[in-house]
Amino acid sequence: MNSYYLTLVIKPDLEEKDRKDLLDSLVKKLVGEDGKVEKEDLWGARSLAYPIKRQTSGYYAHYEVQADPKNAKILDKSLKMEEDILRYLLVRK
């Protein structure tokens, strides 16, 4: 098990339910069955320093998790494919 930081910037025009479902599914992919979420910090909507995919604001979410490295690779691939995510950062602690 490794410790990871996951920070996401999501499109701000998503409905609250859709945003929550997206975040929950991504965190479940990373954590898997053995890992755990140590900290969840939802920063909310904030303006961006520069436009990303024609968006001037984004919804920020930050997580600290314990996860298996193979789950991190799987999550990284699915984050690249997700259209509602403007930017993400997944780093090992």
PDB file of N, CA and C in Angstrom:
ATOM      1  N   MET A   1       0.835  -1.190   0.000  1.00  0.00           N
ATOM      2  CA  MET A   1       0.000   0.000   0.000  1.00  0.00           C
ATOM      3  C   MET A   1       0.878   1.252   0.000  1.00  0.00           C
ATOM      4  N   ASN A   2       0.495   2.193  -0.836  1.00  0.00           N
ATOM      5  CA  ASN A   2       1.169   3.481  -0.895  1.00  0.00           C
ATOM      6  C   ASN A   2       0.173   4.586  -0.557  1.00  0.00           C
ATOM      7  N   SER A   3       0.692   5.715  -0.121  1.00  0.00           N
ATOM      8  CA  SER A   3      -0.142   6.887   0.122  1.00  0.00           C
ATOM      9  C   SER A   3      -0.109   7.779  -1.106  1.00  0.00           C
ATOM     10  N   TYR A   4      -1.267   8.303  -1.490  1.00  0.00           N
ATOM     11  CA  TYR A   4      -1.379   9.148  -2.669  1.00  0.00           C
ATOM     12  C   TYR A   4      -2.175  10.407  -2.350  1.00  0.00           C
ATOM     13  N   TYR A   5      -1.835  11.466  -3.075  1.00  0.00           N
ATOM     14  CA  TYR A   5      -2.642  12.680  -3.115  1.00  0.00           C
ATOM     15  C   TYR A   5      -3.324  12.704  -4.479  1.00  0.00           C
ATOM     16  N   LEU A   6      -4.609  12.960  -4.501  1.00  0.00           N
ATOM     17  CA  LEU A   6      -5.358  13.088  -5.742  1.00  0.00           C
ATOM     18  C   LEU A   6      -6.107  14.408  -5.709  1.00  0.00           C
ATOM     19  N   THR A   7      -5.785  15.290  -6.650  1.00  0.00           N
ATOM     20  CA  THR A   7      -6.473  16.567  -6.775  1.00  0.00           C
ATOM     21  C   THR A   7      -7.122  16.625  -8.145  1.00  0.00           C
ATOM     22  N   LEU A   8      -8.383  17.000  -8.168  1.00  0.00           N
ATOM     23  CA  LEU A   8      -9.160  17.035  -9.402  1.00  0.00           C
ATOM     24  C   LEU A   8      -9.749  18.419  -9.621  1.00  0.00           C
ATOM     25  N   VAL A   9      -9.813  18.835 -10.879  1.00  0.00           N
ATOM     26  CA  VAL A   9     -10.549  20.027 -11.277  1.00  0.00           C
ATOM     27  C   VAL A   9     -11.607  19.558 -12.262  1.00  0.00           C
ATOM     28  N   ILE A  10     -12.863  19.733 -11.876  1.00  0.00           N
ATOM     29  CA  ILE A  10     -13.992  19.209 -12.640  1.00  0.00           C
ATOM     30  C   ILE A  10     -14.765  20.377 -13.253  1.00  0.00           C
ATOM     31  N   LYS A  11     -15.423  20.116 -14.362  1.00  0.00           N
ATOM     32  CA  LYS A  11     -16.258  21.147 -14.993  1.00  0.00           C
ATOM     33  C   LYS A  11     -17.282  21.659 -13.978  1.00  0.00           C
ATOM     34  N   PRO A  12     -17.435  22.977 -13.879  1.00  0.00           N
ATOM     35  CA  PRO A  12     -18.327  23.536 -12.853  1.00  0.00           C
ATOM     36  C   PRO A  12     -19.815  23.405 -13.177  1.00  0.00           C
ATOM     37  N   ASP A  13     -20.171  23.119 -14.415  1.00  0.00           N
ATOM     38  CA  ASP A  13     -21.581  23.072 -14.789  1.00  0.00           C
ATOM     39  C   ASP A  13     -22.238  21.713 -14.555  1.00  0.00           C
ATOM     40  N   LEU A  14     -21.528  20.779 -13.950  1.00  0.00           N
ATOM     41  CA  LEU A  14     -22.131  19.481 -13.616  1.00  0.00           C
ATOM     42  C   LEU A  14     -23.121  19.641 -12.468  1.00  0.00           C
ATOM     43  N   GLU A  15     -24.178  18.869 -12.518  1.00  0.00           N
ATOM     44  CA  GLU A  15     -25.134  18.844 -11.413  1.00  0.00           C
ATOM     45  C   GLU A  15     -24.461  18.243 -10.180  1.00  0.00           C
ATOM     46  N   GLU A  16     -24.944  18.609  -9.016  1.00  0.00           N
ATOM     47  CA  GLU A  16     -24.353  18.143  -7.754  1.00  0.00           C
ATOM     48  C   GLU A  16     -24.355  16.615  -7.663  1.00  0.00           C
ATOM     49  N   LYS A  17     -25.449  15.982  -8.057  1.00  0.00           N
ATOM     50  CA  LYS A  17     -25.545  14.518  -7.994  1.00  0.00           C
ATOM     51  C   LYS A  17     -24.542  13.864  -8.944  1.00  0.00           C
ATOM     52  N   ASP A  18     -24.431  14.394 -10.162  1.00  0.00           N
ATOM     53  CA  ASP A  18     -23.491  13.841 -11.135  1.00  0.00           C
ATOM     54  C   ASP A  18     -22.044  14.006 -10.661  1.00  0.00           C
ATOM     55  N   ARG A  19     -21.742  15.169 -10.084  1.00  0.00           N
ATOM     56  CA  ARG A  19     -20.399  15.420  -9.575  1.00  0.00           C
ATOM     57  C   ARG A  19     -20.059  14.455  -8.444  1.00  0.00           C
ATOM     58  N   LYS A  20     -21.005  14.253  -7.534  1.00  0.00           N
ATOM     59  CA  LYS A  20     -20.765  13.344  -6.416  1.00  0.00           C
ATOM     60  C   LYS A  20     -20.568  11.913  -6.916  1.00  0.00           C
ATOM     61  N   ASP A  21     -21.384  11.477  -7.876  1.00  0.00           N
ATOM     62  CA  ASP A  21     -21.246  10.135  -8.435  1.00  0.00           C
ATOM     63  C   ASP A  21     -19.894   9.953  -9.123  1.00  0.00           C
ATOM     64  N   LEU A  22     -19.462  10.970  -9.861  1.00  0.00           N
ATOM     65  CA  LEU A  22     -18.172  10.912 -10.547  1.00  0.00           C
ATOM     66  C   LEU A  22     -17.029  10.804  -9.540  1.00  0.00           C
ATOM     67  N   LEU A  23     -17.044  11.644  -8.528  1.00  0.00           N
ATOM     68  CA  LEU A  23     -15.976  11.618  -7.518  1.00  0.00           C
ATOM     69  C   LEU A  23     -15.959  10.291  -6.765  1.00  0.00           C
ATOM     70  N   ASP A  24     -17.132   9.795  -6.396  1.00  0.00           N
ATOM     71  CA  ASP A  24     -17.204   8.521  -5.666  1.00  0.00           C
ATOM     72  C   ASP A  24     -16.667   7.371  -6.507  1.00  0.00           C
ATOM     73  N   SER A  25     -17.021   7.324  -7.784  1.00  0.00           N
ATOM     74  CA  SER A  25     -16.558   6.227  -8.632  1.00  0.00           C
ATOM     75  C   SER A  25     -15.044   6.289  -8.836  1.00  0.00           C
ATOM     76  N   LEU A  26     -14.494   7.488  -8.996  1.00  0.00           N
ATOM     77  CA  LEU A  26     -13.045   7.613  -9.178  1.00  0.00           C
ATOM     78  C   LEU A  26     -12.280   7.218  -7.924  1.00  0.00           C
ATOM     79  N   VAL A  27     -12.769   7.640  -6.778  1.00  0.00           N
ATOM     80  CA  VAL A  27     -12.088   7.296  -5.522  1.00  0.00           C
ATOM     81  C   VAL A  27     -12.191   5.801  -5.251  1.00  0.00           C
ATOM     82  N   LYS A  28     -13.323   5.187  -5.579  1.00  0.00           N
ATOM     83  CA  LYS A  28     -13.462   3.735  -5.400  1.00  0.00           C
ATOM     84  C   LYS A  28     -12.498   2.974  -6.296  1.00  0.00           C
ATOM     85  N   LYS A  29     -12.265   3.478  -7.519  1.00  0.00           N
ATOM     86  CA  LYS A  29     -11.298   2.835  -8.410  1.00  0.00           C
ATOM     87  C   LYS A  29      -9.897   2.895  -7.831  1.00  0.00           C
ATOM     88  N   LEU A  30      -9.547   4.021  -7.248  1.00  0.00           N
ATOM     89  CA  LEU A  30      -8.211   4.184  -6.690  1.00  0.00           C
ATOM     90  C   LEU A  30      -8.034   3.366  -5.417  1.00  0.00           C
ATOM     91  N   VAL A  31      -8.985   3.461  -4.531  1.00  0.00           N
ATOM     92  CA  VAL A  31      -8.866   2.800  -3.234  1.00  0.00           C
ATOM     93  C   VAL A  31      -8.984   1.291  -3.363  1.00  0.00           C
ATOM     94  N   GLY A  32      -9.897   0.811  -4.181  1.00  0.00           N
ATOM     95  CA  GLY A  32     -10.109  -0.625  -4.318  1.00  0.00           C
ATOM     96  C   GLY A  32     -10.722  -1.201  -3.057  1.00  0.00           C
ATOM     97  N   GLU A  33     -10.455  -2.477  -2.822  1.00  0.00           N
ATOM     98  CA  GLU A  33     -11.031  -3.158  -1.667  1.00  0.00           C
ATOM     99  C   GLU A  33     -10.179  -3.012  -0.416  1.00  0.00           C
ATOM    100  N   ASP A  34      -8.870  -2.899  -0.584  1.00  0.00           N
ATOM    101  CA  ASP A  34      -7.965  -2.896   0.561  1.00  0.00           C
ATOM    102  C   ASP A  34      -7.621  -1.504   1.080  1.00  0.00           C
ATOM    103  N   GLY A  35      -7.719  -0.492   0.241  1.00  0.00           N
ATOM    104  CA  GLY A  35      -7.288   0.853   0.610  1.00  0.00           C
ATOM    105  C   GLY A  35      -8.316   1.597   1.419  1.00  0.00           C
ATOM    106  N   LYS A  36      -7.966   2.830   1.772  1.00  0.00           N
ATOM    107  CA  LYS A  36      -8.896   3.664   2.519  1.00  0.00           C
ATOM    108  C   LYS A  36      -8.653   5.133   2.196  1.00  0.00           C
ATOM    109  N   VAL A  37      -9.699   5.928   2.353  1.00  0.00           N
ATOM    110  CA  VAL A  37      -9.611   7.371   2.160  1.00  0.00           C
ATOM    111  C   VAL A  37      -9.261   7.987   3.506  1.00  0.00           C
ATOM    112  N   GLU A  38      -8.104   8.633   3.578  1.00  0.00           N
ATOM    113  CA  GLU A  38      -7.678   9.250   4.825  1.00  0.00           C
ATOM    114  C   GLU A  38      -8.281  10.637   4.998  1.00  0.00           C
ATOM    115  N   LYS A  39      -8.412  11.368   3.879  1.00  0.00           N
ATOM    116  CA  LYS A  39      -8.930  12.728   3.960  1.00  0.00           C
ATOM    117  C   LYS A  39      -9.636  13.089   2.656  1.00  0.00           C
ATOM    118  N   GLU A  40     -10.789  13.721   2.782  1.00  0.00           N
ATOM    119  CA  GLU A  40     -11.537  14.217   1.630  1.00  0.00           C
ATOM    120  C   GLU A  40     -11.759  15.707   1.845  1.00  0.00           C
ATOM    121  N   ASP A  41     -11.336  16.512   0.891  1.00  0.00           N
ATOM    122  CA  ASP A  41     -11.433  17.955   1.034  1.00  0.00           C
ATOM    123  C   ASP A  41     -12.011  18.532  -0.259  1.00  0.00           C
ATOM    124  N   LEU A  42     -13.272  18.955  -0.212  1.00  0.00           N
ATOM    125  CA  LEU A  42     -13.940  19.530  -1.378  1.00  0.00           C
ATOM    126  C   LEU A  42     -13.834  21.047  -1.279  1.00  0.00           C
ATOM    127  N   TRP A  43     -13.073  21.637  -2.179  1.00  0.00           N
ATOM    128  CA  TRP A  43     -12.815  23.077  -2.134  1.00  0.00           C
ATOM    129  C   TRP A  43     -13.904  23.882  -2.794  1.00  0.00           C
ATOM    130  N   GLY A  44     -14.683  23.277  -3.651  1.00  0.00           N
ATOM    131  CA  GLY A  44     -15.770  23.966  -4.320  1.00  0.00           C
ATOM    132  C   GLY A  44     -15.342  24.628  -5.616  1.00  0.00           C
ATOM    133  N   ALA A  45     -16.212  25.482  -6.142  1.00  0.00           N
ATOM    134  CA  ALA A  45     -15.958  26.147  -7.429  1.00  0.00           C
ATOM    135  C   ALA A  45     -15.034  27.340  -7.218  1.00  0.00           C
ATOM    136  N   ARG A  46     -14.020  27.430  -8.063  1.00  0.00           N
ATOM    137  CA  ARG A  46     -13.064  28.540  -8.022  1.00  0.00           C
ATOM    138  C   ARG A  46     -12.701  28.917  -9.445  1.00  0.00           C
ATOM    139  N   SER A  47     -12.293  30.158  -9.598  1.00  0.00           N
ATOM    140  CA  SER A  47     -11.897  30.594 -10.937  1.00  0.00           C
ATOM    141  C   SER A  47     -10.504  30.065 -11.254  1.00  0.00           C
ATOM    142  N   LEU A  48     -10.262  29.824 -12.530  1.00  0.00           N
ATOM    143  CA  LEU A  48      -8.988  29.298 -12.994  1.00  0.00           C
ATOM    144  C   LEU A  48      -8.068  30.451 -13.393  1.00  0.00           C
ATOM    145  N   ALA A  49      -6.779  30.236 -13.329  1.00  0.00           N
ATOM    146  CA  ALA A  49      -5.809  31.259 -13.714  1.00  0.00           C
ATOM    147  C   ALA A  49      -5.842  31.508 -15.216  1.00  0.00           C
ATOM    148  N   TYR A  50      -6.182  30.483 -15.986  1.00  0.00           N
ATOM    149  CA  TYR A  50      -6.291  30.598 -17.434  1.00  0.00           C
ATOM    150  C   TYR A  50      -7.357  29.602 -17.898  1.00  0.00           C
ATOM    151  N   PRO A  51      -7.987  29.855 -19.024  1.00  0.00           N
ATOM    152  CA  PRO A  51      -9.037  28.942 -19.490  1.00  0.00           C
ATOM    153  C   PRO A  51      -8.483  27.553 -19.826  1.00  0.00           C
ATOM    154  N   ILE A  52      -9.223  26.536 -19.417  1.00  0.00           N
ATOM    155  CA  ILE A  52      -8.902  25.150 -19.729  1.00  0.00           C
ATOM    156  C   ILE A  52     -10.131  24.560 -20.404  1.00  0.00           C
ATOM    157  N   LYS A  53      -9.969  24.082 -21.627  1.00  0.00           N
ATOM    158  CA  LYS A  53     -11.090  23.528 -22.396  1.00  0.00           C
ATOM    159  C   LYS A  53     -12.277  24.497 -22.415  1.00  0.00           C
ATOM    160  N   ARG A  54     -11.969  25.769 -22.611  1.00  0.00           N
ATOM    161  CA  ARG A  54     -12.949  26.861 -22.698  1.00  0.00           C
ATOM    162  C   ARG A  54     -13.717  27.086 -21.405  1.00  0.00           C
ATOM    163  N   GLN A  55     -13.201  26.639 -20.292  1.00  0.00           N
ATOM    164  CA  GLN A  55     -13.821  26.858 -18.984  1.00  0.00           C
ATOM    165  C   GLN A  55     -12.974  27.881 -18.212  1.00  0.00           C
ATOM    166  N   THR A  56     -13.638  28.815 -17.532  1.00  0.00           N
ATOM    167  CA  THR A  56     -12.907  29.812 -16.750  1.00  0.00           C
ATOM    168  C   THR A  56     -12.978  29.543 -15.254  1.00  0.00           C
ATOM    169  N   SER A  57     -13.770  28.553 -14.857  1.00  0.00           N
ATOM    170  CA  SER A  57     -13.817  28.148 -13.456  1.00  0.00           C
ATOM    171  C   SER A  57     -13.905  26.634 -13.391  1.00  0.00           C
ATOM    172  N   GLY A  58     -13.626  26.084 -12.207  1.00  0.00           N
ATOM    173  CA  GLY A  58     -13.657  24.638 -12.026  1.00  0.00           C
ATOM    174  C   GLY A  58     -13.985  24.282 -10.596  1.00  0.00           C
ATOM    175  N   TYR A  59     -14.466  23.074 -10.398  1.00  0.00           N
ATOM    176  CA  TYR A  59     -14.779  22.555  -9.064  1.00  0.00           C
ATOM    177  C   TYR A  59     -13.594  21.724  -8.607  1.00  0.00           C
ATOM    178  N   TYR A  60     -13.004  22.097  -7.478  1.00  0.00           N
ATOM    179  CA  TYR A  60     -11.804  21.438  -6.969  1.00  0.00           C
ATOM    180  C   TYR A  60     -12.151  20.414  -5.891  1.00  0.00           C
ATOM    181  N   ALA A  61     -11.483  19.267  -5.949  1.00  0.00           N
ATOM    182  CA  ALA A  61     -11.625  18.227  -4.933  1.00  0.00           C
ATOM    183  C   ALA A  61     -10.247  17.635  -4.668  1.00  0.00           C
ATOM    184  N   HIS A  62      -9.921  17.398  -3.389  1.00  0.00           N
ATOM    185  CA  HIS A  62      -8.612  16.871  -3.009  1.00  0.00           C
ATOM    186  C   HIS A  62      -8.817  15.678  -2.073  1.00  0.00           C
ATOM    187  N   TYR A  63      -8.056  14.616  -2.322  1.00  0.00           N
ATOM    188  CA  TYR A  63      -8.149  13.403  -1.510  1.00  0.00           C
ATOM    189  C   TYR A  63      -6.759  12.940  -1.098  1.00  0.00           C
ATOM    190  N   GLU A  64      -6.670  12.365   0.098  1.00  0.00           N
ATOM    191  CA  GLU A  64      -5.476  11.658   0.535  1.00  0.00           C
ATOM    192  C   GLU A  64      -5.917  10.227   0.801  1.00  0.00           C
ATOM    193  N   VAL A  65      -5.288   9.265   0.106  1.00  0.00           N
ATOM    194  CA  VAL A  65      -5.747   7.880   0.177  1.00  0.00           C
ATOM    195  C   VAL A  65      -4.576   6.917   0.332  1.00  0.00           C
ATOM    196  N   GLN A  66      -4.883   5.747   0.853  1.00  0.00           N
ATOM    197  CA  GLN A  66      -3.987   4.598   0.873  1.00  0.00           C
ATOM    198  C   GLN A  66      -4.492   3.662  -0.211  1.00  0.00           C
ATOM    199  N   ALA A  67      -3.609   3.303  -1.156  1.00  0.00           N
ATOM    200  CA  ALA A  67      -4.064   2.475  -2.267  1.00  0.00           C
ATOM    201  C   ALA A  67      -2.936   1.596  -2.780  1.00  0.00           C
ATOM    202  N   ASP A  68      -3.332   0.588  -3.526  1.00  0.00           N
ATOM    203  CA  ASP A  68      -2.409  -0.314  -4.188  1.00  0.00           C
ATOM    204  C   ASP A  68      -1.877   0.371  -5.450  1.00  0.00           C
ATOM    205  N   PRO A  69      -0.593   0.248  -5.764  1.00  0.00           N
ATOM    206  CA  PRO A  69      -0.044   0.908  -6.961  1.00  0.00           C
ATOM    207  C   PRO A  69      -0.705   0.500  -8.274  1.00  0.00           C
ATOM    208  N   LYS A  70      -1.165  -0.729  -8.380  1.00  0.00           N
ATOM    209  CA  LYS A  70      -1.825  -1.136  -9.630  1.00  0.00           C
ATOM    210  C   LYS A  70      -3.151  -0.398  -9.808  1.00  0.00           C
ATOM    211  N   ASN A  71      -3.839  -0.075  -8.704  1.00  0.00           N
ATOM    212  CA  ASN A  71      -5.080   0.706  -8.806  1.00  0.00           C
ATOM    213  C   ASN A  71      -4.788   2.128  -9.267  1.00  0.00           C
ATOM    214  N   ALA A  72      -3.644   2.663  -8.878  1.00  0.00           N
ATOM    215  CA  ALA A  72      -3.268   4.018  -9.295  1.00  0.00           C
ATOM    216  C   ALA A  72      -3.059   4.076 -10.808  1.00  0.00           C
ATOM    217  N   LYS A  73      -2.464   3.050 -11.378  1.00  0.00           N
ATOM    218  CA  LYS A  73      -2.269   3.018 -12.829  1.00  0.00           C
ATOM    219  C   LYS A  73      -3.595   2.925 -13.563  1.00  0.00           C
ATOM    220  N   ILE A  74      -4.509   2.127 -13.039  1.00  0.00           N
ATOM    221  CA  ILE A  74      -5.831   1.989 -13.644  1.00  0.00           C
ATOM    222  C   ILE A  74      -6.586   3.318 -13.566  1.00  0.00           C
ATOM    223  N   LEU A  75      -6.516   3.978 -12.415  1.00  0.00           N
ATOM    224  CA  LEU A  75      -7.194   5.253 -12.258  1.00  0.00           C
ATOM    225  C   LEU A  75      -6.607   6.307 -13.186  1.00  0.00           C
ATOM    226  N   ASP A  76      -5.300   6.323 -13.340  1.00  0.00           N
ATOM    227  CA  ASP A  76      -4.649   7.301 -14.209  1.00  0.00           C
ATOM    228  C   ASP A  76      -5.180   7.186 -15.638  1.00  0.00           C
ATOM    229  N   LYS A  77      -5.345   5.973 -16.123  1.00  0.00           N
ATOM    230  CA  LYS A  77      -5.890   5.772 -17.472  1.00  0.00           C
ATOM    231  C   LYS A  77      -7.330   6.251 -17.576  1.00  0.00           C
ATOM    232  N   SER A  78      -8.138   5.970 -16.563  1.00  0.00           N
ATOM    233  CA  SER A  78      -9.542   6.381 -16.639  1.00  0.00           C
ATOM    234  C   SER A  78      -9.695   7.893 -16.457  1.00  0.00           C
ATOM    235  N   LEU A  79      -8.789   8.536 -15.723  1.00  0.00           N
ATOM    236  CA  LEU A  79      -8.839   9.990 -15.583  1.00  0.00           C
ATOM    237  C   LEU A  79      -8.551  10.688 -16.909  1.00  0.00           C
ATOM    238  N   LYS A  80      -7.654  10.108 -17.689  1.00  0.00           N
ATOM    239  CA  LYS A  80      -7.325  10.690 -18.994  1.00  0.00           C
ATOM    240  C   LYS A  80      -8.516  10.620 -19.949  1.00  0.00           C
ATOM    241  N   MET A  81      -9.358   9.626 -19.799  1.00  0.00           N
ATOM    242  CA  MET A  81     -10.484   9.424 -20.703  1.00  0.00           C
ATOM    243  C   MET A  81     -11.741  10.202 -20.285  1.00  0.00           C
ATOM    244  N   GLU A  82     -11.821  10.626 -19.044  1.00  0.00           N
ATOM    245  CA  GLU A  82     -13.020  11.284 -18.522  1.00  0.00           C
ATOM    246  C   GLU A  82     -13.127  12.710 -19.058  1.00  0.00           C
ATOM    247  N   GLU A  83     -14.228  13.027 -19.712  1.00  0.00           N
ATOM    248  CA  GLU A  83     -14.420  14.340 -20.338  1.00  0.00           C
ATOM    249  C   GLU A  83     -14.767  15.438 -19.345  1.00  0.00           C
ATOM    250  N   ASP A  84     -15.339  15.090 -18.202  1.00  0.00           N
ATOM    251  CA  ASP A  84     -15.766  16.097 -17.226  1.00  0.00           C
ATOM    252  C   ASP A  84     -14.633  16.583 -16.339  1.00  0.00           C
ATOM    253  N   ILE A  85     -13.467  15.977 -16.444  1.00  0.00           N
ATOM    254  CA  ILE A  85     -12.324  16.393 -15.641  1.00  0.00           C
ATOM    255  C   ILE A  85     -11.440  17.308 -16.480  1.00  0.00           C
ATOM    256  N   LEU A  86     -11.251  18.523 -15.987  1.00  0.00           N
ATOM    257  CA  LEU A  86     -10.410  19.481 -16.694  1.00  0.00           C
ATOM    258  C   LEU A  86      -8.930  19.191 -16.471  1.00  0.00           C
ATOM    259  N   ARG A  87      -8.546  18.979 -15.232  1.00  0.00           N
ATOM    260  CA  ARG A  87      -7.161  18.649 -14.866  1.00  0.00           C
ATOM    261  C   ARG A  87      -7.186  17.723 -13.647  1.00  0.00           C
ATOM    262  N   TYR A  88      -6.094  16.974 -13.486  1.00  0.00           N
ATOM    263  CA  TYR A  88      -5.940  16.144 -12.299  1.00  0.00           C
ATOM    264  C   TYR A  88      -4.467  16.018 -11.967  1.00  0.00           C
ATOM    265  N   LEU A  89      -4.202  15.707 -10.722  1.00  0.00           N
ATOM    266  CA  LEU A  89      -2.846  15.462 -10.272  1.00  0.00           C
ATOM    267  C   LEU A  89      -2.889  14.300  -9.299  1.00  0.00           C
ATOM    268  N   LEU A  90      -2.183  13.244  -9.620  1.00  0.00           N
ATOM    269  CA  LEU A  90      -2.101  12.061  -8.781  1.00  0.00           C
ATOM    270  C   LEU A  90      -0.633  11.830  -8.464  1.00  0.00           C
ATOM    271  N   VAL A  91      -0.256  12.027  -7.205  1.00  0.00           N
ATOM    272  CA  VAL A  91       1.137  11.869  -6.806  1.00  0.00           C
ATOM    273  C   VAL A  91       1.227  10.973  -5.583  1.00  0.00           C
ATOM    274  N   ARG A  92       2.362  10.269  -5.527  1.00  0.00           N
ATOM    275  CA  ARG A  92       2.633   9.414  -4.368  1.00  0.00           C
ATOM    276  C   ARG A  92       3.212  10.258  -3.269  1.00  0.00           C
ATOM    277  N   LYS A  93       2.747  10.057  -2.070  1.00  0.00           N
ATOM    278  CA  LYS A  93       3.171  10.825  -0.896  1.00  0.00           C
ATOM    279  C   LYS A  93       4.598  10.506  -0.529  1.00  0.00           C
TER     280      LYS A  93
END
